[in-house]
Amino acid sequence: MNSSEKKLFWSRKILDWEKSRYTQKHGILKRHINSSVLYRLNYAKQFLLKHCTGKHITELGCGTALLLEDLLSSQTQHYYGFDFATPAIELLKQRYSDNPKVSLSEKAITQIESLNTDIVFSLGLLDWLDLSEIDHLFKISNNAHFFHTISEKRPGPTQLIHKLYVYVFYGHKSQGYTPQYYSVDEIFAIAQKYTNKKINIIRDPRLRFGTIITTLDNNDLS
């Protein structure tokens, strides 16, 4: 898929995808997949709320910004949301057009030249980027603190189920455009080129093969 096809893919999919992924009202296979996504969202919320007060926060691949209300309630100084899915950004602009603490941009990662922010985060975005796009993501972050999740390349039955899920539900229709699995070493090597901060790796069985890479302190969340 080229960039315009990817944009069309997500513009058609994003609203239903979020509604589907962040609920447990589905069959066994979807519940199995969704439980880790729901846990990831809740973990990210608890984690980021400990660091966001008075900070400029940027979310890449924000979708409909499921953490935005919580971030604003915790005195985030300013929220910047980027996504290239038109319906998601249009919906957010309808909701937050009058909020001076929210800025929204309909852009792909490669269209962003630079970020001026304290913290950059994304949930699942890196799974849909190639390594050159991931390199660009860390480059434009300008040594800001970051919190990103990846689907770690970790062979096993859970990852096999995930591969089956993405193929059955949309992979066979999208010219092979499906989530990617990266090793921590691959992402770590890229991130290290653009930050002098200590990088932490967080794994949790409830994330299954999901892994968090961040320069923020863990603060012993459980």
C-alpha atoms as a PDB file:
ATOM      1  CA  MET A   1       0.000   0.000   0.000  1.00  0.00           C
ATOM      2  CA  ASN A   2       1.192   3.518  -0.742  1.00  0.00           C
ATOM      3  CA  SER A   3       0.628   6.431   1.647  1.00  0.00           C
ATOM      4  CA  SER A   4      -2.657   7.561   0.077  1.00  0.00           C
ATOM      5  CA  GLU A   5      -4.035   4.010   0.221  1.00  0.00           C
ATOM      6  CA  LYS A   6      -3.049   3.722   3.889  1.00  0.00           C
ATOM      7  CA  LYS A   7      -4.792   7.014   4.636  1.00  0.00           C
ATOM      8  CA  LEU A   8      -7.938   5.780   2.899  1.00  0.00           C
ATOM      9  CA  PHE A   9      -7.708   2.451   4.757  1.00  0.00           C
ATOM     10  CA  TRP A  10      -7.679   4.174   8.162  1.00  0.00           C
ATOM     11  CA  SER A  11     -10.180   6.866   7.201  1.00  0.00           C
ATOM     12  CA  ARG A  12     -12.663   4.110   6.424  1.00  0.00           C
ATOM     13  CA  LYS A  13     -11.730   1.983   9.417  1.00  0.00           C
ATOM     14  CA  ILE A  14     -10.748   4.139  12.392  1.00  0.00           C
ATOM     15  CA  LEU A  15     -14.114   4.881  14.044  1.00  0.00           C
ATOM     16  CA  ASP A  16     -15.456   1.333  13.827  1.00  0.00           C
ATOM     17  CA  TRP A  17     -12.026  -0.078  14.710  1.00  0.00           C
ATOM     18  CA  GLU A  18     -11.842   1.895  17.958  1.00  0.00           C
ATOM     19  CA  LYS A  19     -15.407   1.001  18.850  1.00  0.00           C
ATOM     20  CA  SER A  20     -14.682  -2.653  18.197  1.00  0.00           C
ATOM     21  CA  ARG A  21     -11.295  -2.882  19.911  1.00  0.00           C
ATOM     22  CA  TYR A  22     -12.164  -1.049  23.107  1.00  0.00           C
ATOM     23  CA  THR A  23     -15.084  -3.201  24.123  1.00  0.00           C
ATOM     24  CA  GLN A  24     -15.425  -6.780  25.326  1.00  0.00           C
ATOM     25  CA  LYS A  25     -18.857  -7.363  23.743  1.00  0.00           C
ATOM     26  CA  HIS A  26     -17.619  -9.817  21.118  1.00  0.00           C
ATOM     27  CA  GLY A  27     -16.892 -13.475  20.531  1.00  0.00           C
ATOM     28  CA  ILE A  28     -14.086 -15.444  22.153  1.00  0.00           C
ATOM     29  CA  LEU A  29     -11.397 -14.549  19.582  1.00  0.00           C
ATOM     30  CA  LYS A  30     -12.059 -10.808  19.701  1.00  0.00           C
ATOM     31  CA  ARG A  31     -12.318 -10.810  23.499  1.00  0.00           C
ATOM     32  CA  HIS A  32      -8.937 -12.520  23.671  1.00  0.00           C
ATOM     33  CA  ILE A  33      -7.354  -9.870  21.439  1.00  0.00           C
ATOM     34  CA  ASN A  34      -9.182  -6.910  22.955  1.00  0.00           C
ATOM     35  CA  SER A  35      -8.363  -7.643  26.590  1.00  0.00           C
ATOM     36  CA  SER A  36      -4.708  -6.723  26.085  1.00  0.00           C
ATOM     37  CA  VAL A  37      -5.644  -3.570  24.141  1.00  0.00           C
ATOM     38  CA  LEU A  38      -7.973  -2.471  26.924  1.00  0.00           C
ATOM     39  CA  TYR A  39      -5.286  -3.126  29.513  1.00  0.00           C
ATOM     40  CA  ARG A  40      -2.775  -1.175  27.411  1.00  0.00           C
ATOM     41  CA  LEU A  41      -5.089   1.836  27.316  1.00  0.00           C
ATOM     42  CA  ASN A  42      -5.699   1.759  31.063  1.00  0.00           C
ATOM     43  CA  TYR A  43      -2.001   1.258  31.828  1.00  0.00           C
ATOM     44  CA  ALA A  44      -1.036   4.156  29.564  1.00  0.00           C
ATOM     45  CA  LYS A  45      -3.601   6.381  31.273  1.00  0.00           C
ATOM     46  CA  GLN A  46      -2.298   5.633  34.761  1.00  0.00           C
ATOM     47  CA  PHE A  47       1.285   6.014  33.603  1.00  0.00           C
ATOM     48  CA  LEU A  48       0.909   9.271  31.678  1.00  0.00           C
ATOM     49  CA  LEU A  49      -1.279  10.970  34.290  1.00  0.00           C
ATOM     50  CA  LYS A  50       1.659  10.752  36.689  1.00  0.00           C
ATOM     51  CA  HIS A  51       3.783  12.823  34.301  1.00  0.00           C
ATOM     52  CA  CYS A  52       1.439  15.175  32.426  1.00  0.00           C
ATOM     53  CA  THR A  53       0.761  18.018  34.867  1.00  0.00           C
ATOM     54  CA  GLY A  54       1.988  21.272  33.383  1.00  0.00           C
ATOM     55  CA  LYS A  55       3.443  19.480  30.354  1.00  0.00           C
ATOM     56  CA  HIS A  56       2.962  19.763  26.612  1.00  0.00           C
ATOM     57  CA  ILE A  57       1.833  16.302  25.470  1.00  0.00           C
ATOM     58  CA  THR A  58       1.835  15.030  21.885  1.00  0.00           C
ATOM     59  CA  GLU A  59      -0.034  11.926  20.774  1.00  0.00           C
ATOM     60  CA  LEU A  60       0.923  10.448  17.416  1.00  0.00           C
ATOM     61  CA  GLY A  61      -1.701   8.332  15.685  1.00  0.00           C
ATOM     62  CA  CYS A  62      -4.221   9.736  18.142  1.00  0.00           C
ATOM     63  CA  GLY A  63      -7.404   8.424  16.511  1.00  0.00           C
ATOM     64  CA  THR A  64     -10.255   9.902  18.539  1.00  0.00           C
ATOM     65  CA  ALA A  65      -7.893  10.624  21.457  1.00  0.00           C
ATOM     66  CA  LEU A  66      -9.318   8.258  24.053  1.00  0.00           C
ATOM     67  CA  LEU A  67      -7.044   9.642  26.799  1.00  0.00           C
ATOM     68  CA  LEU A  68      -7.568  13.317  26.057  1.00  0.00           C
ATOM     69  CA  GLU A  69     -10.252  14.034  28.659  1.00  0.00           C
ATOM     70  CA  ASP A  70      -8.173  12.385  31.382  1.00  0.00           C
ATOM     71  CA  LEU A  71      -5.063  14.319  30.355  1.00  0.00           C
ATOM     72  CA  LEU A  72      -6.926  17.633  30.393  1.00  0.00           C
ATOM     73  CA  SER A  73      -8.453  16.821  33.775  1.00  0.00           C
ATOM     74  CA  SER A  74      -4.948  16.242  35.132  1.00  0.00           C
ATOM     75  CA  GLN A  75      -3.784  19.721  34.174  1.00  0.00           C
ATOM     76  CA  THR A  76      -1.910  18.940  30.987  1.00  0.00           C
ATOM     77  CA  GLN A  77      -0.631  22.296  29.729  1.00  0.00           C
ATOM     78  CA  HIS A  78      -1.376  21.519  26.079  1.00  0.00           C
ATOM     79  CA  TYR A  79      -2.329  18.473  24.006  1.00  0.00           C
ATOM     80  CA  TYR A  80      -1.270  18.037  20.380  1.00  0.00           C
ATOM     81  CA  GLY A  81      -2.942  15.243  18.425  1.00  0.00           C
ATOM     82  CA  PHE A  82      -1.787  13.978  15.020  1.00  0.00           C
ATOM     83  CA  ASP A  83      -3.533  11.443  12.811  1.00  0.00           C
ATOM     84  CA  PHE A  84      -4.016  11.067   9.073  1.00  0.00           C
ATOM     85  CA  ALA A  85      -7.472   9.490   9.400  1.00  0.00           C
ATOM     86  CA  THR A  86      -9.829  12.305   8.378  1.00  0.00           C
ATOM     87  CA  PRO A  87     -12.951  11.161  10.312  1.00  0.00           C
ATOM     88  CA  ALA A  88     -11.031  10.944  13.595  1.00  0.00           C
ATOM     89  CA  ILE A  89      -9.565  14.445  13.329  1.00  0.00           C
ATOM     90  CA  GLU A  90     -12.866  15.919  12.146  1.00  0.00           C
ATOM     91  CA  LEU A  91     -14.659  14.374  15.134  1.00  0.00           C
ATOM     92  CA  LEU A  92     -12.058  15.737  17.547  1.00  0.00           C
ATOM     93  CA  LYS A  93     -12.245  19.204  16.014  1.00  0.00           C
ATOM     94  CA  GLN A  94     -16.004  19.198  16.514  1.00  0.00           C
ATOM     95  CA  ARG A  95     -15.532  18.379  20.178  1.00  0.00           C
ATOM     96  CA  TYR A  96     -12.531  20.560  21.003  1.00  0.00           C
ATOM     97  CA  SER A  97     -12.549  23.465  18.529  1.00  0.00           C
ATOM     98  CA  ASP A  98     -13.148  25.932  21.376  1.00  0.00           C
ATOM     99  CA  ASN A  99     -10.526  24.473  23.724  1.00  0.00           C
ATOM    100  CA  PRO A 100      -7.311  26.548  23.621  1.00  0.00           C
ATOM    101  CA  LYS A 101      -5.369  23.685  25.221  1.00  0.00           C
ATOM    102  CA  VAL A 102      -5.982  21.304  22.303  1.00  0.00           C
ATOM    103  CA  SER A 103      -4.327  21.410  18.864  1.00  0.00           C
ATOM    104  CA  LEU A 104      -5.156  18.851  16.194  1.00  0.00           C
ATOM    105  CA  SER A 105      -3.480  18.105  12.860  1.00  0.00           C
ATOM    106  CA  GLU A 106      -4.416  15.759  10.039  1.00  0.00           C
ATOM    107  CA  LYS A 107      -0.937  14.550   9.121  1.00  0.00           C
ATOM    108  CA  ALA A 108       0.961  11.340   8.581  1.00  0.00           C
ATOM    109  CA  ILE A 109       4.160  10.824  10.562  1.00  0.00           C
ATOM    110  CA  THR A 110       6.359  11.600   7.568  1.00  0.00           C
ATOM    111  CA  GLN A 111       4.569  14.939   7.057  1.00  0.00           C
ATOM    112  CA  ILE A 112       5.580  16.189  10.506  1.00  0.00           C
ATOM    113  CA  GLU A 113       8.830  18.122  10.359  1.00  0.00           C
ATOM    114  CA  SER A 114       9.424  18.706  14.056  1.00  0.00           C
ATOM    115  CA  LEU A 115       7.724  18.531  17.437  1.00  0.00           C
ATOM    116  CA  ASN A 116       8.129  21.026  20.251  1.00  0.00           C
ATOM    117  CA  THR A 117       6.767  19.130  23.215  1.00  0.00           C
ATOM    118  CA  ASP A 118       7.640  17.602  26.583  1.00  0.00           C
ATOM    119  CA  ILE A 119       6.241  14.103  26.053  1.00  0.00           C
ATOM    120  CA  VAL A 120       5.439  12.154  22.891  1.00  0.00           C
ATOM    121  CA  PHE A 121       3.313   9.026  23.117  1.00  0.00           C
ATOM    122  CA  SER A 122       1.573   6.519  20.889  1.00  0.00           C
ATOM    123  CA  LEU A 123      -0.471   3.372  21.445  1.00  0.00           C
ATOM    124  CA  GLY A 124      -0.071   0.781  18.727  1.00  0.00           C
ATOM    125  CA  LEU A 125       1.105   3.232  16.074  1.00  0.00           C
ATOM    126  CA  LEU A 126       4.585   1.757  15.634  1.00  0.00           C
ATOM    127  CA  ASP A 127       2.977  -1.551  14.653  1.00  0.00           C
ATOM    128  CA  TRP A 128       1.772   0.145  11.455  1.00  0.00           C
ATOM    129  CA  LEU A 129       5.025   1.928  10.554  1.00  0.00           C
ATOM    130  CA  ASP A 130       8.082   0.653   8.754  1.00  0.00           C
ATOM    131  CA  LEU A 131      11.540   1.167  10.237  1.00  0.00           C
ATOM    132  CA  SER A 132      12.241   4.318   8.216  1.00  0.00           C
ATOM    133  CA  GLU A 133       9.000   5.866   9.489  1.00  0.00           C
ATOM    134  CA  ILE A 134       9.872   4.864  13.048  1.00  0.00           C
ATOM    135  CA  ASP A 135      13.266   6.494  12.602  1.00  0.00           C
ATOM    136  CA  HIS A 136      11.515   9.696  11.492  1.00  0.00           C
ATOM    137  CA  LEU A 137       9.189   9.528  14.502  1.00  0.00           C
ATOM    138  CA  PHE A 138      12.072   9.515  16.963  1.00  0.00           C
ATOM    139  CA  LYS A 139      13.993  12.117  14.969  1.00  0.00           C
ATOM    140  CA  ILE A 140      11.167  14.698  15.045  1.00  0.00           C
ATOM    141  CA  SER A 141      10.622  14.109  18.765  1.00  0.00           C
ATOM    142  CA  ASN A 142      13.665  16.290  19.475  1.00  0.00           C
ATOM    143  CA  ASN A 143      14.817  14.416  22.594  1.00  0.00           C
ATOM    144  CA  ALA A 144      11.418  14.764  24.267  1.00  0.00           C
ATOM    145  CA  HIS A 145      10.412  12.081  26.746  1.00  0.00           C
ATOM    146  CA  PHE A 146       8.476   9.322  25.033  1.00  0.00           C
ATOM    147  CA  PHE A 147       6.081   6.471  25.740  1.00  0.00           C
ATOM    148  CA  HIS A 148       5.415   4.083  22.852  1.00  0.00           C
ATOM    149  CA  THR A 149       3.999   0.599  22.600  1.00  0.00           C
ATOM    150  CA  ILE A 150       5.030  -2.088  20.137  1.00  0.00           C
ATOM    151  CA  SER A 151       3.918  -5.588  19.296  1.00  0.00           C
ATOM    152  CA  GLU A 152       7.109  -7.361  20.218  1.00  0.00           C
ATOM    153  CA  LYS A 153       8.403 -10.092  17.940  1.00  0.00           C
ATOM    154  CA  ARG A 154       7.857 -12.910  20.373  1.00  0.00           C
ATOM    155  CA  PRO A 155       6.818 -16.208  18.738  1.00  0.00           C
ATOM    156  CA  GLY A 156       4.203 -18.183  20.611  1.00  0.00           C
ATOM    157  CA  PRO A 157       0.528 -19.194  20.579  1.00  0.00           C
ATOM    158  CA  THR A 158      -0.759 -15.727  21.512  1.00  0.00           C
ATOM    159  CA  GLN A 159       1.054 -14.057  18.622  1.00  0.00           C
ATOM    160  CA  LEU A 160      -0.138 -16.811  16.302  1.00  0.00           C
ATOM    161  CA  ILE A 161      -3.727 -16.088  17.355  1.00  0.00           C
ATOM    162  CA  HIS A 162      -3.144 -12.406  16.694  1.00  0.00           C
ATOM    163  CA  LYS A 163      -1.783 -13.098  13.210  1.00  0.00           C
ATOM    164  CA  LEU A 164      -4.819 -15.247  12.488  1.00  0.00           C
ATOM    165  CA  TYR A 165      -7.126 -12.526  13.777  1.00  0.00           C
ATOM    166  CA  VAL A 166      -5.686  -9.727  11.619  1.00  0.00           C
ATOM    167  CA  TYR A 167      -5.710 -11.954   8.541  1.00  0.00           C
ATOM    168  CA  VAL A 168      -9.302 -13.128   9.018  1.00  0.00           C
ATOM    169  CA  PHE A 169     -10.774  -9.722   9.813  1.00  0.00           C
ATOM    170  CA  TYR A 170      -8.936  -7.513   7.330  1.00  0.00           C
ATOM    171  CA  GLY A 171      -5.438  -8.624   6.301  1.00  0.00           C
ATOM    172  CA  HIS A 172      -6.549 -10.579   3.253  1.00  0.00           C
ATOM    173  CA  LYS A 173      -8.381  -7.470   1.992  1.00  0.00           C
ATOM    174  CA  SER A 174      -5.587  -4.945   2.533  1.00  0.00           C
ATOM    175  CA  GLN A 175      -2.782  -6.130   0.248  1.00  0.00           C
ATOM    176  CA  GLY A 176      -0.838  -7.430   3.223  1.00  0.00           C
ATOM    177  CA  TYR A 177      -1.099  -4.159   5.175  1.00  0.00           C
ATOM    178  CA  THR A 178      -1.147  -5.603   8.690  1.00  0.00           C
ATOM    179  CA  PRO A 179       0.528  -4.877  12.046  1.00  0.00           C
ATOM    180  CA  GLN A 180       4.267  -5.470  12.221  1.00  0.00           C
ATOM    181  CA  TYR A 181       6.161  -7.224  14.995  1.00  0.00           C
ATOM    182  CA  TYR A 182       9.472  -5.642  15.992  1.00  0.00           C
ATOM    183  CA  SER A 183      12.145  -6.743  18.402  1.00  0.00           C
ATOM    184  CA  VAL A 184      12.956  -4.442  21.298  1.00  0.00           C
ATOM    185  CA  ASP A 185      16.527  -4.277  20.025  1.00  0.00           C
ATOM    186  CA  GLU A 186      15.358  -2.885  16.675  1.00  0.00           C
ATOM    187  CA  ILE A 187      13.352  -0.074  18.269  1.00  0.00           C
ATOM    188  CA  PHE A 188      15.909   0.531  21.001  1.00  0.00           C
ATOM    189  CA  ALA A 189      18.664   1.036  18.421  1.00  0.00           C
ATOM    190  CA  ILE A 190      16.636   3.654  16.566  1.00  0.00           C
ATOM    191  CA  ALA A 191      15.519   5.508  19.694  1.00  0.00           C
ATOM    192  CA  GLN A 192      19.070   5.689  21.043  1.00  0.00           C
ATOM    193  CA  LYS A 193      20.172   7.709  18.019  1.00  0.00           C
ATOM    194  CA  TYR A 194      17.900  10.587  19.017  1.00  0.00           C
ATOM    195  CA  THR A 195      17.842  10.682  22.809  1.00  0.00           C
ATOM    196  CA  ASN A 196      20.362  10.928  25.620  1.00  0.00           C
ATOM    197  CA  LYS A 197      17.789   9.795  28.170  1.00  0.00           C
ATOM    198  CA  LYS A 198      17.653   6.385  29.796  1.00  0.00           C
ATOM    199  CA  ILE A 199      15.249   4.105  27.937  1.00  0.00           C
ATOM    200  CA  ASN A 200      13.100   1.718  29.964  1.00  0.00           C
ATOM    201  CA  ILE A 201      11.438  -1.448  28.678  1.00  0.00           C
ATOM    202  CA  ILE A 202       8.184  -2.526  30.331  1.00  0.00           C
ATOM    203  CA  ARG A 203       6.561  -5.916  29.831  1.00  0.00           C
ATOM    204  CA  ASP A 204       3.458  -7.223  31.548  1.00  0.00           C
ATOM    205  CA  PRO A 205       1.686 -10.565  30.999  1.00  0.00           C
ATOM    206  CA  ARG A 206      -1.600  -8.669  30.627  1.00  0.00           C
ATOM    207  CA  LEU A 207      -0.131  -6.897  27.603  1.00  0.00           C
ATOM    208  CA  ARG A 208       0.650 -10.344  26.159  1.00  0.00           C
ATOM    209  CA  PHE A 209       3.320  -9.661  23.513  1.00  0.00           C
ATOM    210  CA  GLY A 210       2.761  -5.899  23.777  1.00  0.00           C
ATOM    211  CA  THR A 211       5.793  -4.029  25.133  1.00  0.00           C
ATOM    212  CA  ILE A 212       6.302  -0.442  26.238  1.00  0.00           C
ATOM    213  CA  ILE A 213       9.444   1.545  25.478  1.00  0.00           C
ATOM    214  CA  THR A 214       9.719   4.794  27.417  1.00  0.00           C
ATOM    215  CA  THR A 215      12.100   7.346  28.913  1.00  0.00           C
ATOM    216  CA  LEU A 216       9.620   8.139  31.689  1.00  0.00           C
ATOM    217  CA  ASP A 217       9.917   6.628  35.170  1.00  0.00           C
ATOM    218  CA  ASN A 218       7.771   3.592  35.809  1.00  0.00           C
ATOM    219  CA  ASN A 219       6.777   4.638  39.348  1.00  0.00           C
ATOM    220  CA  ASP A 220       5.974   1.005  40.147  1.00  0.00           C
ATOM    221  CA  LEU A 221       2.600   0.868  38.449  1.00  0.00           C
ATOM    222  CA  SER A 222       0.882  -2.495  38.768  1.00  0.00           C
END
